[in-house]
PDB file of all heavy atoms in Angstrom:
ATOM      1  N   VAL A   1       1.578  58.461  -3.133  1.00  0.00           N
ATOM      2  CA  VAL A   1       1.505  57.106  -3.687  1.00  0.00           C
ATOM      3  C   VAL A   1       2.507  56.194  -2.975  1.00  0.00           C
ATOM      4  O   VAL A   1       3.670  56.537  -2.784  1.00  0.00           O
ATOM      5  CB  VAL A   1       1.782  57.115  -5.204  1.00  0.00           C
ATOM      6  CG1 VAL A   1       1.993  55.692  -5.727  1.00  0.00           C
ATOM      7  CG2 VAL A   1       0.620  57.773  -5.939  1.00  0.00           C
ATOM      8  N   LYS A   2       2.025  55.007  -2.583  1.00  0.00           N
ATOM      9  CA  LYS A   2       2.864  54.039  -1.860  1.00  0.00           C
ATOM     10  C   LYS A   2       3.036  52.718  -2.597  1.00  0.00           C
ATOM     11  O   LYS A   2       3.825  51.871  -2.168  1.00  0.00           O
ATOM     12  CB  LYS A   2       2.253  53.757  -0.480  1.00  0.00           C
ATOM     13  CG  LYS A   2       2.069  54.988   0.391  1.00  0.00           C
ATOM     14  CD  LYS A   2       3.384  55.665   0.698  1.00  0.00           C
ATOM     15  CE  LYS A   2       4.197  54.883   1.713  1.00  0.00           C
ATOM     16  NZ  LYS A   2       5.421  55.628   2.123  1.00  0.00           N
ATOM     17  N   GLY A   3       2.306  52.519  -3.687  1.00  0.00           N
ATOM     18  CA  GLY A   3       2.434  51.239  -4.385  1.00  0.00           C
ATOM     19  C   GLY A   3       1.843  51.264  -5.777  1.00  0.00           C
ATOM     20  O   GLY A   3       0.964  52.074  -6.095  1.00  0.00           O
ATOM     21  N   PHE A   4       2.359  50.360  -6.631  1.00  0.00           N
ATOM     22  CA  PHE A   4       1.897  50.231  -8.015  1.00  0.00           C
ATOM     23  C   PHE A   4       1.907  48.751  -8.394  1.00  0.00           C
ATOM     24  O   PHE A   4       2.858  48.035  -8.088  1.00  0.00           O
ATOM     25  CB  PHE A   4       2.825  51.016  -8.951  1.00  0.00           C
ATOM     26  CG  PHE A   4       2.609  50.752 -10.418  1.00  0.00           C
ATOM     27  CD1 PHE A   4       1.617  51.412 -11.126  1.00  0.00           C
ATOM     28  CD2 PHE A   4       3.400  49.829 -11.103  1.00  0.00           C
ATOM     29  CE1 PHE A   4       1.415  51.174 -12.484  1.00  0.00           C
ATOM     30  CE2 PHE A   4       3.217  49.579 -12.450  1.00  0.00           C
ATOM     31  CZ  PHE A   4       2.213  50.260 -13.140  1.00  0.00           C
ATOM     32  N   GLU A   5       0.836  48.290  -9.031  1.00  0.00           N
ATOM     33  CA  GLU A   5       0.816  46.942  -9.576  1.00  0.00           C
ATOM     34  C   GLU A   5       0.016  46.951 -10.879  1.00  0.00           C
ATOM     35  O   GLU A   5      -0.954  47.706 -11.011  1.00  0.00           O
ATOM     36  CB  GLU A   5       0.200  45.938  -8.593  1.00  0.00           C
ATOM     37  CG  GLU A   5      -1.251  46.202  -8.236  1.00  0.00           C
ATOM     38  CD  GLU A   5      -1.870  45.107  -7.366  1.00  0.00           C
ATOM     39  OE1 GLU A   5      -1.175  44.126  -7.053  1.00  0.00           O
ATOM     40  OE2 GLU A   5      -3.051  45.259  -7.009  1.00  0.00           O
ATOM     41  N   TYR A   6       0.448  46.163 -11.845  1.00  0.00           N
ATOM     42  CA  TYR A   6      -0.272  46.110 -13.109  1.00  0.00           C
ATOM     43  C   TYR A   6      -0.654  44.668 -13.427  1.00  0.00           C
ATOM     44  O   TYR A   6      -0.064  43.713 -12.910  1.00  0.00           O
ATOM     45  CB  TYR A   6       0.567  46.719 -14.241  1.00  0.00           C
ATOM     46  CG  TYR A   6       1.679  45.827 -14.749  1.00  0.00           C
ATOM     47  CD1 TYR A   6       1.550  45.116 -15.937  1.00  0.00           C
ATOM     48  CD2 TYR A   6       2.870  45.697 -14.033  1.00  0.00           C
ATOM     49  CE1 TYR A   6       2.562  44.299 -16.387  1.00  0.00           C
ATOM     50  CE2 TYR A   6       3.891  44.887 -14.479  1.00  0.00           C
ATOM     51  CZ  TYR A   6       3.738  44.193 -15.668  1.00  0.00           C
ATOM     52  OH  TYR A   6       4.744  43.382 -16.113  1.00  0.00           O
ATOM     53  N   GLY A   7      -1.671  44.529 -14.283  1.00  0.00           N
ATOM     54  CA  GLY A   7      -2.141  43.183 -14.606  1.00  0.00           C
ATOM     55  C   GLY A   7      -2.620  42.456 -13.367  1.00  0.00           C
ATOM     56  O   GLY A   7      -3.285  43.035 -12.497  1.00  0.00           O
ATOM     57  N   SER A   8      -2.258  41.196 -13.258  1.00  0.00           N
ATOM     58  CA  SER A   8      -2.686  40.398 -12.103  1.00  0.00           C
ATOM     59  C   SER A   8      -2.042  40.846 -10.812  1.00  0.00           C
ATOM     60  O   SER A   8      -2.529  40.543  -9.717  1.00  0.00           O
ATOM     61  CB  SER A   8      -2.368  38.915 -12.358  1.00  0.00           C
ATOM     62  OG  SER A   8      -0.969  38.733 -12.494  1.00  0.00           O
ATOM     63  N   GLY A   9      -0.920  41.579 -10.921  1.00  0.00           N
ATOM     64  CA  GLY A   9      -0.274  42.134  -9.737  1.00  0.00           C
ATOM     65  C   GLY A   9       0.066  41.100  -8.689  1.00  0.00           C
ATOM     66  O   GLY A   9       0.451  39.961  -8.996  1.00  0.00           O
ATOM     67  N   PHE A  10      -0.106  41.470  -7.421  1.00  0.00           N
ATOM     68  CA  PHE A  10       0.235  40.570  -6.319  1.00  0.00           C
ATOM     69  C   PHE A  10      -0.708  39.369  -6.244  1.00  0.00           C
ATOM     70  O   PHE A  10      -0.317  38.301  -5.787  1.00  0.00           O
ATOM     71  CB  PHE A  10       0.247  41.335  -4.996  1.00  0.00           C
ATOM     72  CG  PHE A  10       1.402  42.283  -4.861  1.00  0.00           C
ATOM     73  CD1 PHE A  10       1.231  43.649  -5.065  1.00  0.00           C
ATOM     74  CD2 PHE A  10       2.663  41.823  -4.548  1.00  0.00           C
ATOM     75  CE1 PHE A  10       2.299  44.517  -4.955  1.00  0.00           C
ATOM     76  CE2 PHE A  10       3.741  42.688  -4.430  1.00  0.00           C
ATOM     77  CZ  PHE A  10       3.565  44.044  -4.644  1.00  0.00           C
ATOM     78  N   GLU A  11      -1.947  39.555  -6.711  1.00  0.00           N
ATOM     79  CA  GLU A  11      -2.876  38.426  -6.708  1.00  0.00           C
ATOM     80  C   GLU A  11      -2.412  37.319  -7.639  1.00  0.00           C
ATOM     81  O   GLU A  11      -2.711  36.143  -7.434  1.00  0.00           O
ATOM     82  CB  GLU A  11      -4.280  38.899  -7.112  1.00  0.00           C
ATOM     83  CG  GLU A  11      -4.993  39.719  -6.062  1.00  0.00           C
ATOM     84  CD  GLU A  11      -5.231  38.932  -4.777  1.00  0.00           C
ATOM     85  OE1 GLU A  11      -5.737  37.786  -4.876  1.00  0.00           O
ATOM     86  OE2 GLU A  11      -4.918  39.455  -3.697  1.00  0.00           O
ATOM     87  N   GLY A  12      -1.666  37.688  -8.677  1.00  0.00           N
ATOM     88  CA  GLY A  12      -1.176  36.696  -9.634  1.00  0.00           C
ATOM     89  C   GLY A  12      -0.203  35.706  -9.030  1.00  0.00           C
ATOM     90  O   GLY A  12       0.009  34.620  -9.585  1.00  0.00           O
ATOM     91  N   THR A  13       0.396  36.056  -7.891  1.00  0.00           N
ATOM     92  CA  THR A  13       1.339  35.144  -7.238  1.00  0.00           C
ATOM     93  C   THR A  13       0.647  33.909  -6.688  1.00  0.00           C
ATOM     94  O   THR A  13       1.299  32.910  -6.361  1.00  0.00           O
ATOM     95  CB  THR A  13       2.072  35.857  -6.095  1.00  0.00           C
ATOM     96  OG1 THR A  13       1.127  36.253  -5.088  1.00  0.00           O
ATOM     97  CG2 THR A  13       2.793  37.097  -6.606  1.00  0.00           C
ATOM     98  N   LYS A  14      -0.689  33.980  -6.570  1.00  0.00           N
ATOM     99  CA  LYS A  14      -1.440  32.856  -6.024  1.00  0.00           C
ATOM    100  C   LYS A  14      -1.789  31.817  -7.085  1.00  0.00           C
ATOM    101  O   LYS A  14      -2.304  30.743  -6.760  1.00  0.00           O
ATOM    102  CB  LYS A  14      -2.721  33.365  -5.367  1.00  0.00           C
ATOM    103  CG  LYS A  14      -2.489  34.377  -4.253  1.00  0.00           C
ATOM    104  CD  LYS A  14      -3.790  34.955  -3.739  1.00  0.00           C
ATOM    105  CE  LYS A  14      -3.553  36.037  -2.690  1.00  0.00           C
ATOM    106  NZ  LYS A  14      -4.825  36.647  -2.212  1.00  0.00           N
ATOM    107  N   LEU A  15      -1.523  32.133  -8.353  1.00  0.00           N
ATOM    108  CA  LEU A  15      -1.861  31.236  -9.448  1.00  0.00           C
ATOM    109  C   LEU A  15      -0.651  30.410  -9.867  1.00  0.00           C
ATOM    110  O   LEU A  15       0.502  30.813  -9.673  1.00  0.00           O
ATOM    111  CB  LEU A  15      -2.366  32.044 -10.654  1.00  0.00           C
ATOM    112  CG  LEU A  15      -3.573  32.950 -10.443  1.00  0.00           C
ATOM    113  CD1 LEU A  15      -3.876  33.723 -11.721  1.00  0.00           C
ATOM    114  CD2 LEU A  15      -4.793  32.155  -9.998  1.00  0.00           C
ATOM    115  N   SER A  16      -0.915  29.268 -10.484  1.00  0.00           N
ATOM    116  CA  SER A  16       0.151  28.481 -11.103  1.00  0.00           C
ATOM    117  C   SER A  16       0.425  29.050 -12.488  1.00  0.00           C
ATOM    118  O   SER A  16      -0.383  29.825 -13.032  1.00  0.00           O
ATOM    119  CB  SER A  16      -0.274  27.021 -11.225  1.00  0.00           C
ATOM    120  OG  SER A  16      -1.409  26.908 -12.089  1.00  0.00           O
ATOM    121  N   GLY A  17       1.549  28.667 -13.072  1.00  0.00           N
ATOM    122  CA  GLY A  17       1.895  29.180 -14.395  1.00  0.00           C
ATOM    123  C   GLY A  17       0.863  28.824 -15.443  1.00  0.00           C
ATOM    124  O   GLY A  17       0.544  29.629 -16.323  1.00  0.00           O
ATOM    125  N   SER A  18       0.328  27.615 -15.352  1.00  0.00           N
ATOM    126  CA  SER A  18      -0.666  27.167 -16.341  1.00  0.00           C
ATOM    127  C   SER A  18      -1.959  27.965 -16.215  1.00  0.00           C
ATOM    128  O   SER A  18      -2.687  28.142 -17.199  1.00  0.00           O
ATOM    129  CB  SER A  18      -0.954  25.674 -16.163  1.00  0.00           C
ATOM    130  OG  SER A  18      -1.411  25.410 -14.839  1.00  0.00           O
ATOM    131  N   GLN A  19      -2.251  28.467 -15.024  1.00  0.00           N
ATOM    132  CA  GLN A  19      -3.439  29.300 -14.828  1.00  0.00           C
ATOM    133  C   GLN A  19      -3.184  30.749 -15.240  1.00  0.00           C
ATOM    134  O   GLN A  19      -4.088  31.431 -15.717  1.00  0.00           O
ATOM    135  CB  GLN A  19      -3.854  29.282 -13.333  1.00  0.00           C
ATOM    136  CG  GLN A  19      -4.345  27.945 -12.829  1.00  0.00           C
ATOM    137  CD  GLN A  19      -4.557  27.978 -11.320  1.00  0.00           C
ATOM    138  OE1 GLN A  19      -3.690  28.426 -10.560  1.00  0.00           O
ATOM    139  NE2 GLN A  19      -5.720  27.515 -10.868  1.00  0.00           N
ATOM    140  N   HIS A  20      -1.948  31.177 -15.083  1.00  0.00           N
ATOM    141  CA  HIS A  20      -1.628  32.578 -15.289  1.00  0.00           C
ATOM    142  C   HIS A  20      -1.311  32.925 -16.739  1.00  0.00           C
ATOM    143  O   HIS A  20      -1.520  34.072 -17.168  1.00  0.00           O
ATOM    144  CB  HIS A  20      -0.437  32.971 -14.396  1.00  0.00           C
ATOM    145  CG  HIS A  20      -0.210  34.448 -14.298  1.00  0.00           C
ATOM    146  ND1 HIS A  20       0.608  35.130 -15.185  1.00  0.00           N
ATOM    147  CD2 HIS A  20      -0.690  35.382 -13.431  1.00  0.00           C
ATOM    148  CE1 HIS A  20       0.626  36.424 -14.848  1.00  0.00           C
ATOM    149  NE2 HIS A  20      -0.144  36.597 -13.795  1.00  0.00           N
ATOM    150  N   ASN A  21      -0.802  31.970 -17.509  1.00  0.00           N
ATOM    151  CA  ASN A  21      -0.402  32.272 -18.893  1.00  0.00           C
ATOM    152  C   ASN A  21      -1.576  32.771 -19.727  1.00  0.00           C
ATOM    153  O   ASN A  21      -2.680  32.212 -19.664  1.00  0.00           O
ATOM    154  CB  ASN A  21       0.183  31.023 -19.553  1.00  0.00           C
ATOM    155  CG  ASN A  21       1.633  30.797 -19.167  1.00  0.00           C
ATOM    156  OD1 ASN A  21       2.236  31.631 -18.489  1.00  0.00           O
ATOM    157  ND2 ASN A  21       2.191  29.679 -19.596  1.00  0.00           N
ATOM    158  N   ASP A  22      -1.326  33.807 -20.517  1.00  0.00           N
ATOM    159  CA  ASP A  22      -2.332  34.350 -21.435  1.00  0.00           C
ATOM    160  C   ASP A  22      -2.155  33.664 -22.798  1.00  0.00           C
ATOM    161  O   ASP A  22      -1.213  33.983 -23.544  1.00  0.00           O
ATOM    162  CB  ASP A  22      -2.168  35.866 -21.571  1.00  0.00           C
ATOM    163  CG  ASP A  22      -2.472  36.592 -20.266  1.00  0.00           C
ATOM    164  OD1 ASP A  22      -3.435  36.211 -19.593  1.00  0.00           O
ATOM    165  OD2 ASP A  22      -1.739  37.549 -19.939  1.00  0.00           O
ATOM    166  N   VAL A  23      -3.056  32.747 -23.115  1.00  0.00           N
ATOM    167  CA  VAL A  23      -2.971  31.957 -24.352  1.00  0.00           C
ATOM    168  C   VAL A  23      -3.349  32.818 -25.553  1.00  0.00           C
ATOM    169  O   VAL A  23      -4.362  33.530 -25.530  1.00  0.00           O
ATOM    170  CB  VAL A  23      -3.900  30.728 -24.267  1.00  0.00           C
ATOM    171  CG1 VAL A  23      -3.901  29.956 -25.576  1.00  0.00           C
ATOM    172  CG2 VAL A  23      -3.474  29.825 -23.110  1.00  0.00           C
ATOM    173  N   PHE A  24      -2.546  32.761 -26.606  1.00  0.00           N
ATOM    174  CA  PHE A  24      -2.850  33.509 -27.826  1.00  0.00           C
ATOM    175  C   PHE A  24      -3.936  32.804 -28.630  1.00  0.00           C
ATOM    176  O   PHE A  24      -3.958  31.575 -28.735  1.00  0.00           O
ATOM    177  CB  PHE A  24      -1.589  33.651 -28.690  1.00  0.00           C
ATOM    178  CG  PHE A  24      -0.578  34.593 -28.125  1.00  0.00           C
ATOM    179  CD1 PHE A  24       0.596  34.117 -27.551  1.00  0.00           C
ATOM    180  CD2 PHE A  24      -0.797  35.971 -28.148  1.00  0.00           C
ATOM    181  CE1 PHE A  24       1.530  34.983 -27.018  1.00  0.00           C
ATOM    182  CE2 PHE A  24       0.140  36.844 -27.619  1.00  0.00           C
ATOM    183  CZ  PHE A  24       1.297  36.354 -27.049  1.00  0.00           C
ATOM    184  N   ILE A  25      -4.829  33.609 -29.189  1.00  0.00           N
ATOM    185  CA  ILE A  25      -5.897  33.081 -30.042  1.00  0.00           C
ATOM    186  C   ILE A  25      -6.027  33.963 -31.276  1.00  0.00           C
ATOM    187  O   ILE A  25      -5.649  35.137 -31.266  1.00  0.00           O
ATOM    188  CB  ILE A  25      -7.253  33.022 -29.305  1.00  0.00           C
ATOM    189  CG1 ILE A  25      -7.636  34.415 -28.759  1.00  0.00           C
ATOM    190  CG2 ILE A  25      -7.211  31.997 -28.171  1.00  0.00           C
ATOM    191  CD1 ILE A  25      -9.015  34.473 -28.137  1.00  0.00           C
ATOM    192  N   GLN A  26      -6.561  33.372 -32.360  1.00  0.00           N
ATOM    193  CA  GLN A  26      -6.802  34.124 -33.586  1.00  0.00           C
ATOM    194  C   GLN A  26      -8.241  34.619 -33.595  1.00  0.00           C
ATOM    195  O   GLN A  26      -9.170  33.848 -33.361  1.00  0.00           O
ATOM    196  CB  GLN A  26      -6.549  33.233 -34.814  1.00  0.00           C
ATOM    197  CG  GLN A  26      -6.707  33.948 -36.139  1.00  0.00           C
ATOM    198  CD  GLN A  26      -5.668  35.035 -36.353  1.00  0.00           C
ATOM    199  OE1 GLN A  26      -4.491  34.816 -36.137  1.00  0.00           O
ATOM    200  NE2 GLN A  26      -6.101  36.216 -36.765  1.00  0.00           N
ATOM    201  N   THR A  27      -8.437  35.903 -33.833  1.00  0.00           N
ATOM    202  CA  THR A  27      -9.778  36.476 -33.865  1.00  0.00           C
ATOM    203  C   THR A  27      -9.941  37.303 -35.148  1.00  0.00           C
ATOM    204  O   THR A  27      -8.994  37.461 -35.936  1.00  0.00           O
ATOM    205  CB  THR A  27     -10.021  37.405 -32.660  1.00  0.00           C
ATOM    206  OG1 THR A  27      -9.250  38.607 -32.815  1.00  0.00           O
ATOM    207  CG2 THR A  27      -9.641  36.713 -31.360  1.00  0.00           C
ATOM    208  N   GLU A  28     -11.149  37.827 -35.342  1.00  0.00           N
ATOM    209  CA  GLU A  28     -11.403  38.682 -36.509  1.00  0.00           C
ATOM    210  C   GLU A  28     -10.551  39.945 -36.459  1.00  0.00           C
ATOM    211  O   GLU A  28     -10.279  40.562 -37.494  1.00  0.00           O
ATOM    212  CB  GLU A  28     -12.885  39.059 -36.564  1.00  0.00           C
ATOM    213  CG  GLU A  28     -13.814  37.873 -36.837  1.00  0.00           C
ATOM    214  CD  GLU A  28     -15.265  38.296 -36.873  1.00  0.00           C
ATOM    215  OE1 GLU A  28     -15.539  39.495 -36.589  1.00  0.00           O
ATOM    216  OE2 GLU A  28     -16.113  37.443 -37.186  1.00  0.00           O
ATOM    217  N   LYS A  29     -10.141  40.344 -35.254  1.00  0.00           N
ATOM    218  CA  LYS A  29      -9.321  41.523 -35.082  1.00  0.00           C
ATOM    219  C   LYS A  29      -7.827  41.211 -35.081  1.00  0.00           C
ATOM    220  O   LYS A  29      -7.000  42.072 -34.797  1.00  0.00           O
ATOM    221  CB  LYS A  29      -9.700  42.237 -33.779  1.00  0.00           C
ATOM    222  CG  LYS A  29     -11.136  42.752 -33.763  1.00  0.00           C
ATOM    223  CD  LYS A  29     -11.440  43.464 -32.457  1.00  0.00           C
ATOM    224  CE  LYS A  29     -12.869  43.994 -32.433  1.00  0.00           C
ATOM    225  NZ  LYS A  29     -13.180  44.700 -31.155  1.00  0.00           N
ATOM    226  N   GLY A  30      -7.493  39.949 -35.381  1.00  0.00           N
ATOM    227  CA  GLY A  30      -6.095  39.544 -35.385  1.00  0.00           C
ATOM    228  C   GLY A  30      -5.742  38.731 -34.151  1.00  0.00           C
ATOM    229  O   GLY A  30      -6.620  38.166 -33.489  1.00  0.00           O
ATOM    230  N   ILE A  31      -4.464  38.676 -33.822  1.00  0.00           N
ATOM    231  CA  ILE A  31      -4.003  37.897 -32.675  1.00  0.00           C
ATOM    232  C   ILE A  31      -4.360  38.618 -31.381  1.00  0.00           C
ATOM    233  O   ILE A  31      -4.059  39.804 -31.209  1.00  0.00           O
ATOM    234  CB  ILE A  31      -2.482  37.659 -32.747  1.00  0.00           C
ATOM    235  CG1 ILE A  31      -2.139  36.798 -33.962  1.00  0.00           C
ATOM    236  CG2 ILE A  31      -1.972  37.006 -31.459  1.00  0.00           C
ATOM    237  CD1 ILE A  31      -0.657  36.576 -34.155  1.00  0.00           C
TER     238      ILE A  31
END
């Protein structure tokens, strides 16, 4: 193994903060 990335990983560096933030929402299963 030579590398590890989780979630958006290195590709996430190409996004702005407003694009990258995971907005919370209320659903039938909770938050």
